[in-house]
């Protein structure tokens, strides 16, 4: 299952004010944990999309800030999808 995290359109790395959030591949067997994981992965992939657009040189270190950093799952996902140390 995939979650597109465009609740208010997309602003980076491309601008599309009409983009909307969606769950793709949802079925009756999908549970709450599946939905949460899809949201987390969708947000992290979106953030990776921005990093790819910004990185002129390899990223040596990633510093996460904000309330999401209290989530071990968020920090682990960020490390996996960015391929650099974080948290």
PDB file of N, CA and C in Angstrom:
ATOM      1  N   UNK A   1       0.839  -1.164   0.000  1.00  0.00           N
ATOM      2  CA  UNK A   1       0.000   0.000   0.000  1.00  0.00           C
ATOM      3  C   UNK A   1       0.889   1.233   0.000  1.00  0.00           C
ATOM      4  N   UNK A   2       0.411   2.281  -0.620  1.00  0.00           N
ATOM      5  CA  UNK A   2       1.163   3.528  -0.733  1.00  0.00           C
ATOM      6  C   UNK A   2       0.297   4.682  -0.256  1.00  0.00           C
ATOM      7  N   UNK A   3       0.931   5.636   0.430  1.00  0.00           N
ATOM      8  CA  UNK A   3       0.255   6.864   0.833  1.00  0.00           C
ATOM      9  C   UNK A   3       0.934   8.031   0.140  1.00  0.00           C
ATOM     10  N   UNK A   4       0.168   8.863  -0.523  1.00  0.00           N
ATOM     11  CA  UNK A   4       0.674  10.100  -1.116  1.00  0.00           C
ATOM     12  C   UNK A   4       0.385  11.221  -0.121  1.00  0.00           C
ATOM     13  N   UNK A   5       1.423  11.862   0.423  1.00  0.00           N
ATOM     14  CA  UNK A   5       1.241  12.783   1.550  1.00  0.00           C
ATOM     15  C   UNK A   5       0.944  14.237   1.171  1.00  0.00           C
ATOM     16  N   UNK A   6       0.149  14.458   0.158  1.00  0.00           N
ATOM     17  CA  UNK A   6      -0.086  15.821  -0.319  1.00  0.00           C
ATOM     18  C   UNK A   6      -1.395  16.380   0.240  1.00  0.00           C
ATOM     19  N   UNK A   7      -1.416  16.633   1.536  1.00  0.00           N
ATOM     20  CA  UNK A   7      -2.646  17.116   2.174  1.00  0.00           C
ATOM     21  C   UNK A   7      -3.035  18.511   1.715  1.00  0.00           C
ATOM     22  N   UNK A   8      -2.048  19.349   1.422  1.00  0.00           N
ATOM     23  CA  UNK A   8      -2.300  20.720   0.960  1.00  0.00           C
ATOM     24  C   UNK A   8      -1.561  21.000  -0.334  1.00  0.00           C
ATOM     25  N   UNK A   9      -1.537  20.046  -1.246  1.00  0.00           N
ATOM     26  CA  UNK A   9      -0.764  20.203  -2.466  1.00  0.00           C
ATOM     27  C   UNK A   9       0.696  19.883  -2.189  1.00  0.00           C
ATOM     28  N   UNK A  10       1.527  20.089  -3.194  1.00  0.00           N
ATOM     29  CA  UNK A  10       2.967  19.850  -3.050  1.00  0.00           C
ATOM     30  C   UNK A  10       3.711  21.130  -3.379  1.00  0.00           C
ATOM     31  N   UNK A  11       4.749  21.415  -2.591  1.00  0.00           N
ATOM     32  CA  UNK A  11       5.514  22.644  -2.782  1.00  0.00           C
ATOM     33  C   UNK A  11       6.982  22.389  -3.095  1.00  0.00           C
ATOM     34  N   UNK A  12       7.493  21.214  -2.824  1.00  0.00           N
ATOM     35  CA  UNK A  12       8.907  20.930  -3.088  1.00  0.00           C
ATOM     36  C   UNK A  12       9.085  19.429  -3.262  1.00  0.00           C
ATOM     37  N   UNK A  13       9.870  19.001  -4.180  1.00  0.00           N
ATOM     38  CA  UNK A  13      10.728  19.765  -5.084  1.00  0.00           C
ATOM     39  C   UNK A  13      10.002  20.283  -6.326  1.00  0.00           C
ATOM     40  N   UNK A  14       8.717  20.027  -6.462  1.00  0.00           N
ATOM     41  CA  UNK A  14       7.924  20.593  -7.549  1.00  0.00           C
ATOM     42  C   UNK A  14       6.684  21.235  -6.937  1.00  0.00           C
ATOM     43  N   UNK A  15       6.087  22.144  -7.680  1.00  0.00           N
ATOM     44  CA  UNK A  15       4.900  22.835  -7.174  1.00  0.00           C
ATOM     45  C   UNK A  15       3.666  22.298  -7.890  1.00  0.00           C
ATOM     46  N   UNK A  16       2.736  21.772  -7.106  1.00  0.00           N
ATOM     47  CA  UNK A  16       1.459  21.305  -7.642  1.00  0.00           C
ATOM     48  C   UNK A  16       0.398  21.527  -6.571  1.00  0.00           C
ATOM     49  N   UNK A  17      -0.239  22.708  -6.587  1.00  0.00           N
ATOM     50  CA  UNK A  17      -1.230  23.002  -5.553  1.00  0.00           C
ATOM     51  C   UNK A  17      -2.456  22.102  -5.610  1.00  0.00           C
ATOM     52  N   UNK A  18      -2.639  21.376  -6.708  1.00  0.00           N
ATOM     53  CA  UNK A  18      -3.804  20.506  -6.842  1.00  0.00           C
ATOM     54  C   UNK A  18      -3.536  19.068  -6.404  1.00  0.00           C
ATOM     55  N   UNK A  19      -2.287  18.734  -6.089  1.00  0.00           N
ATOM     56  CA  UNK A  19      -1.963  17.378  -5.623  1.00  0.00           C
ATOM     57  C   UNK A  19      -2.715  17.112  -4.322  1.00  0.00           C
ATOM     58  N   UNK A  20      -3.221  15.907  -4.168  1.00  0.00           N
ATOM     59  CA  UNK A  20      -4.001  15.555  -2.980  1.00  0.00           C
ATOM     60  C   UNK A  20      -3.523  14.244  -2.387  1.00  0.00           C
ATOM     61  N   UNK A  21      -3.706  14.112  -1.097  1.00  0.00           N
ATOM     62  CA  UNK A  21      -3.329  12.895  -0.372  1.00  0.00           C
ATOM     63  C   UNK A  21      -4.223  11.743  -0.808  1.00  0.00           C
ATOM     64  N   UNK A  22      -3.643  10.534  -0.771  1.00  0.00           N
ATOM     65  CA  UNK A  22      -4.416   9.349  -1.137  1.00  0.00           C
ATOM     66  C   UNK A  22      -3.731   8.095  -0.617  1.00  0.00           C
ATOM     67  N   UNK A  23      -4.540   7.116  -0.266  1.00  0.00           N
ATOM     68  CA  UNK A  23      -4.044   5.772   0.003  1.00  0.00           C
ATOM     69  C   UNK A  23      -4.285   4.970  -1.270  1.00  0.00           C
ATOM     70  N   UNK A  24      -3.244   4.318  -1.778  1.00  0.00           N
ATOM     71  CA  UNK A  24      -3.350   3.508  -2.987  1.00  0.00           C
ATOM     72  C   UNK A  24      -3.096   2.056  -2.608  1.00  0.00           C
ATOM     73  N   UNK A  25      -3.983   1.181  -3.026  1.00  0.00           N
ATOM     74  CA  UNK A  25      -3.827  -0.235  -2.722  1.00  0.00           C
ATOM     75  C   UNK A  25      -4.465  -0.642  -1.409  1.00  0.00           C
ATOM     76  N   UNK A  26      -5.348   0.181  -0.887  1.00  0.00           N
ATOM     77  CA  UNK A  26      -6.022  -0.135   0.374  1.00  0.00           C
ATOM     78  C   UNK A  26      -7.074  -1.219   0.121  1.00  0.00           C
ATOM     79  N   UNK A  27      -7.228  -2.099   1.087  1.00  0.00           N
ATOM     80  CA  UNK A  27      -8.209  -3.180   0.983  1.00  0.00           C
ATOM     81  C   UNK A  27      -8.801  -3.443   2.368  1.00  0.00           C
ATOM     82  N   UNK A  28      -9.851  -4.263   2.453  1.00  0.00           N
ATOM     83  CA  UNK A  28     -10.463  -4.549   3.756  1.00  0.00           C
ATOM     84  C   UNK A  28      -9.508  -5.208   4.760  1.00  0.00           C
ATOM     85  N   UNK A  29      -8.458  -5.849   4.269  1.00  0.00           N
ATOM     86  CA  UNK A  29      -7.526  -6.519   5.189  1.00  0.00           C
ATOM     87  C   UNK A  29      -6.486  -5.577   5.792  1.00  0.00           C
ATOM     88  N   UNK A  30      -6.467  -4.324   5.351  1.00  0.00           N
ATOM     89  CA  UNK A  30      -5.495  -3.354   5.855  1.00  0.00           C
ATOM     90  C   UNK A  30      -5.896  -2.916   7.259  1.00  0.00           C
ATOM     91  N   UNK A  31      -4.950  -2.968   8.171  1.00  0.00           N
ATOM     92  CA  UNK A  31      -5.201  -2.569   9.552  1.00  0.00           C
ATOM     93  C   UNK A  31      -4.603  -1.210   9.872  1.00  0.00           C
ATOM     94  N   UNK A  32      -4.824  -0.785  11.097  1.00  0.00           N
ATOM     95  CA  UNK A  32      -4.334   0.515  11.555  1.00  0.00           C
ATOM     96  C   UNK A  32      -2.814   0.622  11.421  1.00  0.00           C
ATOM     97  N   UNK A  33      -2.097  -0.424  11.818  1.00  0.00           N
ATOM     98  CA  UNK A  33      -0.631  -0.407  11.727  1.00  0.00           C
ATOM     99  C   UNK A  33      -0.177  -0.250  10.277  1.00  0.00           C
ATOM    100  N   UNK A  34      -0.890  -0.872   9.344  1.00  0.00           N
ATOM    101  CA  UNK A  34      -0.553  -0.745   7.921  1.00  0.00           C
ATOM    102  C   UNK A  34      -0.732   0.696   7.451  1.00  0.00           C
ATOM    103  N   UNK A  35      -1.815   1.325   7.889  1.00  0.00           N
ATOM    104  CA  UNK A  35      -2.070   2.717   7.512  1.00  0.00           C
ATOM    105  C   UNK A  35      -0.995   3.638   8.071  1.00  0.00           C
ATOM    106  N   UNK A  36      -0.637   3.436   9.328  1.00  0.00           N
ATOM    107  CA  UNK A  36       0.391   4.266   9.964  1.00  0.00           C
ATOM    108  C   UNK A  36       1.721   4.095   9.243  1.00  0.00           C
ATOM    109  N   UNK A  37       2.072   2.856   8.941  1.00  0.00           N
ATOM    110  CA  UNK A  37       3.336   2.614   8.235  1.00  0.00           C
ATOM    111  C   UNK A  37       3.323   3.271   6.857  1.00  0.00           C
ATOM    112  N   UNK A  38       2.212   3.185   6.142  1.00  0.00           N
ATOM    113  CA  UNK A  38       2.116   3.796   4.819  1.00  0.00           C
ATOM    114  C   UNK A  38       2.284   5.310   4.902  1.00  0.00           C
ATOM    115  N   UNK A  39       1.690   5.930   5.920  1.00  0.00           N
ATOM    116  CA  UNK A  39       1.837   7.381   6.095  1.00  0.00           C
ATOM    117  C   UNK A  39       3.298   7.721   6.373  1.00  0.00           C
ATOM    118  N   UNK A  40       3.919   7.005   7.294  1.00  0.00           N
ATOM    119  CA  UNK A  40       5.325   7.244   7.627  1.00  0.00           C
ATOM    120  C   UNK A  40       6.206   7.098   6.386  1.00  0.00           C
ATOM    121  N   UNK A  41       6.024   6.021   5.645  1.00  0.00           N
ATOM    122  CA  UNK A  41       6.832   5.800   4.451  1.00  0.00           C
ATOM    123  C   UNK A  41       6.565   6.858   3.384  1.00  0.00           C
ATOM    124  N   UNK A  42       5.311   7.266   3.215  1.00  0.00           N
ATOM    125  CA  UNK A  42       4.988   8.296   2.233  1.00  0.00           C
ATOM    126  C   UNK A  42       5.651   9.617   2.550  1.00  0.00           C
ATOM    127  N   UNK A  43       5.631  10.003   3.816  1.00  0.00           N
ATOM    128  CA  UNK A  43       6.269  11.256   4.234  1.00  0.00           C
ATOM    129  C   UNK A  43       7.781  11.166   4.054  1.00  0.00           C
ATOM    130  N   UNK A  44       8.369  10.034   4.455  1.00  0.00           N
ATOM    131  CA  UNK A  44       9.824   9.875   4.339  1.00  0.00           C
ATOM    132  C   UNK A  44      10.259   9.846   2.869  1.00  0.00           C
ATOM    133  N   UNK A  45       9.502   9.176   2.005  1.00  0.00           N
ATOM    134  CA  UNK A  45       9.852   9.181   0.586  1.00  0.00           C
ATOM    135  C   UNK A  45       9.730  10.589   0.004  1.00  0.00           C
ATOM    136  N   UNK A  46       8.725  11.359   0.438  1.00  0.00           N
ATOM    137  CA  UNK A  46       8.599  12.740  -0.010  1.00  0.00           C
ATOM    138  C   UNK A  46       9.789  13.574   0.421  1.00  0.00           C
ATOM    139  N   UNK A  47      10.216  13.342   1.650  1.00  0.00           N
ATOM    140  CA  UNK A  47      11.384  14.061   2.165  1.00  0.00           C
ATOM    141  C   UNK A  47      12.637  13.635   1.399  1.00  0.00           C
ATOM    142  N   UNK A  48      12.731  12.364   1.032  1.00  0.00           N
ATOM    143  CA  UNK A  48      13.871  11.894   0.238  1.00  0.00           C
ATOM    144  C   UNK A  48      13.855  12.540  -1.147  1.00  0.00           C
ATOM    145  N   UNK A  49      12.685  12.729  -1.703  1.00  0.00           N
ATOM    146  CA  UNK A  49      12.553  13.383  -3.004  1.00  0.00           C
ATOM    147  C   UNK A  49      13.138  14.793  -2.945  1.00  0.00           C
ATOM    148  N   UNK A  50      12.863  15.514  -1.870  1.00  0.00           N
ATOM    149  CA  UNK A  50      13.413  16.858  -1.684  1.00  0.00           C
ATOM    150  C   UNK A  50      14.933  16.786  -1.518  1.00  0.00           C
ATOM    151  N   UNK A  51      15.424  15.848  -0.693  1.00  0.00           N
ATOM    152  CA  UNK A  51      16.874  15.704  -0.505  1.00  0.00           C
ATOM    153  C   UNK A  51      17.578  15.433  -1.830  1.00  0.00           C
ATOM    154  N   UNK A  52      17.014  14.549  -2.645  1.00  0.00           N
ATOM    155  CA  UNK A  52      17.620  14.242  -3.940  1.00  0.00           C
ATOM    156  C   UNK A  52      17.736  15.493  -4.800  1.00  0.00           C
ATOM    157  N   UNK A  53      16.729  16.346  -4.746  1.00  0.00           N
ATOM    158  CA  UNK A  53      16.748  17.569  -5.539  1.00  0.00           C
ATOM    159  C   UNK A  53      17.758  18.581  -5.000  1.00  0.00           C
ATOM    160  N   UNK A  54      18.004  18.574  -3.700  1.00  0.00           N
ATOM    161  CA  UNK A  54      18.888  19.566  -3.081  1.00  0.00           C
ATOM    162  C   UNK A  54      20.365  19.171  -3.044  1.00  0.00           C
ATOM    163  N   UNK A  55      20.644  17.888  -3.057  1.00  0.00           N
ATOM    164  CA  UNK A  55      22.022  17.444  -2.821  1.00  0.00           C
ATOM    165  C   UNK A  55      22.895  17.601  -4.063  1.00  0.00           C
ATOM    166  N   UNK A  56      23.776  18.590  -4.016  1.00  0.00           N
ATOM    167  CA  UNK A  56      24.772  18.739  -5.067  1.00  0.00           C
ATOM    168  C   UNK A  56      25.973  17.849  -4.751  1.00  0.00           C
ATOM    169  N   UNK A  57      26.186  17.606  -3.472  1.00  0.00           N
ATOM    170  CA  UNK A  57      27.257  16.731  -2.995  1.00  0.00           C
ATOM    171  C   UNK A  57      26.651  15.759  -1.996  1.00  0.00           C
ATOM    172  N   UNK A  58      27.321  14.635  -1.762  1.00  0.00           N
ATOM    173  CA  UNK A  58      26.782  13.660  -0.804  1.00  0.00           C
ATOM    174  C   UNK A  58      26.559  14.267   0.579  1.00  0.00           C
ATOM    175  N   UNK A  59      25.487  13.864   1.191  1.00  0.00           N
ATOM    176  CA  UNK A  59      25.147  14.328   2.526  1.00  0.00           C
ATOM    177  C   UNK A  59      25.910  13.497   3.544  1.00  0.00           C
ATOM    178  N   UNK A  60      26.655  14.155   4.431  1.00  0.00           N
ATOM    179  CA  UNK A  60      27.434  13.443   5.441  1.00  0.00           C
ATOM    180  C   UNK A  60      26.635  13.179   6.705  1.00  0.00           C
ATOM    181  N   UNK A  61      25.735  14.077   7.018  1.00  0.00           N
ATOM    182  CA  UNK A  61      24.982  13.955   8.265  1.00  0.00           C
ATOM    183  C   UNK A  61      23.624  14.615   8.086  1.00  0.00           C
ATOM    184  N   UNK A  62      22.633  14.035   8.688  1.00  0.00           N
ATOM    185  CA  UNK A  62      21.279  14.570   8.630  1.00  0.00           C
ATOM    186  C   UNK A  62      20.825  14.854  10.048  1.00  0.00           C
ATOM    187  N   UNK A  63      20.353  16.059  10.294  1.00  0.00           N
ATOM    188  CA  UNK A  63      19.874  16.419  11.624  1.00  0.00           C
ATOM    189  C   UNK A  63      18.363  16.598  11.547  1.00  0.00           C
ATOM    190  N   UNK A  64      17.649  15.763  12.272  1.00  0.00           N
ATOM    191  CA  UNK A  64      16.193  15.856  12.331  1.00  0.00           C
ATOM    192  C   UNK A  64      15.801  16.706  13.524  1.00  0.00           C
ATOM    193  N   UNK A  65      14.782  17.527  13.358  1.00  0.00           N
ATOM    194  CA  UNK A  65      14.286  18.364  14.447  1.00  0.00           C
ATOM    195  C   UNK A  65      12.775  18.226  14.543  1.00  0.00           C
ATOM    196  N   UNK A  66      12.232  18.716  15.624  1.00  0.00           N
ATOM    197  CA  UNK A  66      10.787  18.714  15.798  1.00  0.00           C
ATOM    198  C   UNK A  66      10.289  17.518  16.580  1.00  0.00           C
ATOM    199  N   UNK A  67       9.010  17.506  16.815  1.00  0.00           N
ATOM    200  CA  UNK A  67       8.390  16.474  17.637  1.00  0.00           C
ATOM    201  C   UNK A  67       8.527  15.068  17.092  1.00  0.00           C
ATOM    202  N   UNK A  68       8.616  14.928  15.771  1.00  0.00           N
ATOM    203  CA  UNK A  68       8.721  13.591  15.182  1.00  0.00           C
ATOM    204  C   UNK A  68      10.000  12.877  15.593  1.00  0.00           C
ATOM    205  N   UNK A  69      10.996  13.624  16.041  1.00  0.00           N
ATOM    206  CA  UNK A  69      12.261  12.992  16.432  1.00  0.00           C
ATOM    207  C   UNK A  69      12.112  12.152  17.696  1.00  0.00           C
ATOM    208  N   UNK A  70      10.999  12.281  18.390  1.00  0.00           N
ATOM    209  CA  UNK A  70      10.745  11.426  19.558  1.00  0.00           C
ATOM    210  C   UNK A  70      10.304  10.025  19.137  1.00  0.00           C
ATOM    211  N   UNK A  71      10.062   9.846  17.851  1.00  0.00           N
ATOM    212  CA  UNK A  71       9.625   8.552  17.324  1.00  0.00           C
ATOM    213  C   UNK A  71      10.822   7.774  16.784  1.00  0.00           C
ATOM    214  N   UNK A  72      11.101   6.637  17.402  1.00  0.00           N
ATOM    215  CA  UNK A  72      12.179   5.787  16.906  1.00  0.00           C
ATOM    216  C   UNK A  72      11.935   5.336  15.479  1.00  0.00           C
ATOM    217  N   UNK A  73      10.669   5.062  15.140  1.00  0.00           N
ATOM    218  CA  UNK A  73      10.336   4.619  13.781  1.00  0.00           C
ATOM    219  C   UNK A  73      10.666   5.708  12.760  1.00  0.00           C
ATOM    220  N   UNK A  74      10.378   6.955  13.095  1.00  0.00           N
ATOM    221  CA  UNK A  74      10.673   8.076  12.192  1.00  0.00           C
ATOM    222  C   UNK A  74      12.184   8.193  11.970  1.00  0.00           C
ATOM    223  N   UNK A  75      12.954   8.130  13.043  1.00  0.00           N
ATOM    224  CA  UNK A  75      14.412   8.252  12.929  1.00  0.00           C
ATOM    225  C   UNK A  75      14.999   7.086  12.136  1.00  0.00           C
ATOM    226  N   UNK A  76      14.543   5.869  12.404  1.00  0.00           N
ATOM    227  CA  UNK A  76      15.039   4.705  11.656  1.00  0.00           C
ATOM    228  C   UNK A  76      14.691   4.823  10.171  1.00  0.00           C
ATOM    229  N   UNK A  77      13.475   5.212   9.873  1.00  0.00           N
ATOM    230  CA  UNK A  77      13.057   5.362   8.479  1.00  0.00           C
ATOM    231  C   UNK A  77      13.865   6.446   7.786  1.00  0.00           C
ATOM    232  N   UNK A  78      14.132   7.531   8.488  1.00  0.00           N
ATOM    233  CA  UNK A  78      14.919   8.620   7.910  1.00  0.00           C
ATOM    234  C   UNK A  78      16.328   8.154   7.573  1.00  0.00           C
ATOM    235  N   UNK A  79      16.933   7.369   8.460  1.00  0.00           N
ATOM    236  CA  UNK A  79      18.277   6.837   8.189  1.00  0.00           C
ATOM    237  C   UNK A  79      18.261   5.905   6.984  1.00  0.00           C
ATOM    238  N   UNK A  80      17.269   5.043   6.914  1.00  0.00           N
ATOM    239  CA  UNK A  80      17.194   4.068   5.825  1.00  0.00           C
ATOM    240  C   UNK A  80      17.011   4.764   4.480  1.00  0.00           C
ATOM    241  N   UNK A  81      16.057   5.684   4.387  1.00  0.00           N
ATOM    242  CA  UNK A  81      15.729   6.284   3.102  1.00  0.00           C
ATOM    243  C   UNK A  81      16.664   7.407   2.683  1.00  0.00           C
ATOM    244  N   UNK A  82      17.392   7.996   3.633  1.00  0.00           N
ATOM    245  CA  UNK A  82      18.331   9.051   3.262  1.00  0.00           C
ATOM    246  C   UNK A  82      19.738   8.509   3.096  1.00  0.00           C
ATOM    247  N   UNK A  83      19.999   7.301   3.595  1.00  0.00           N
ATOM    248  CA  UNK A  83      21.318   6.664   3.510  1.00  0.00           C
ATOM    249  C   UNK A  83      22.398   7.502   4.181  1.00  0.00           C
ATOM    250  N   UNK A  84      22.038   8.193   5.258  1.00  0.00           N
ATOM    251  CA  UNK A  84      23.033   8.929   6.030  1.00  0.00           C
ATOM    252  C   UNK A  84      22.624   8.916   7.496  1.00  0.00           C
ATOM    253  N   UNK A  85      23.577   9.154   8.404  1.00  0.00           N
ATOM    254  CA  UNK A  85      23.261   9.130   9.833  1.00  0.00           C
ATOM    255  C   UNK A  85      22.249  10.220  10.204  1.00  0.00           C
ATOM    256  N   UNK A  86      21.382   9.916  11.127  1.00  0.00           N
ATOM    257  CA  UNK A  86      20.427  10.911  11.623  1.00  0.00           C
ATOM    258  C   UNK A  86      20.074  10.599  13.060  1.00  0.00           C
ATOM    259  N   UNK A  87      19.452  11.534  13.726  1.00  0.00           N
ATOM    260  CA  UNK A  87      18.987  11.439  15.109  1.00  0.00           C
ATOM    261  C   UNK A  87      20.107  11.228  16.102  1.00  0.00           C
TER     262      UNK A  87
END
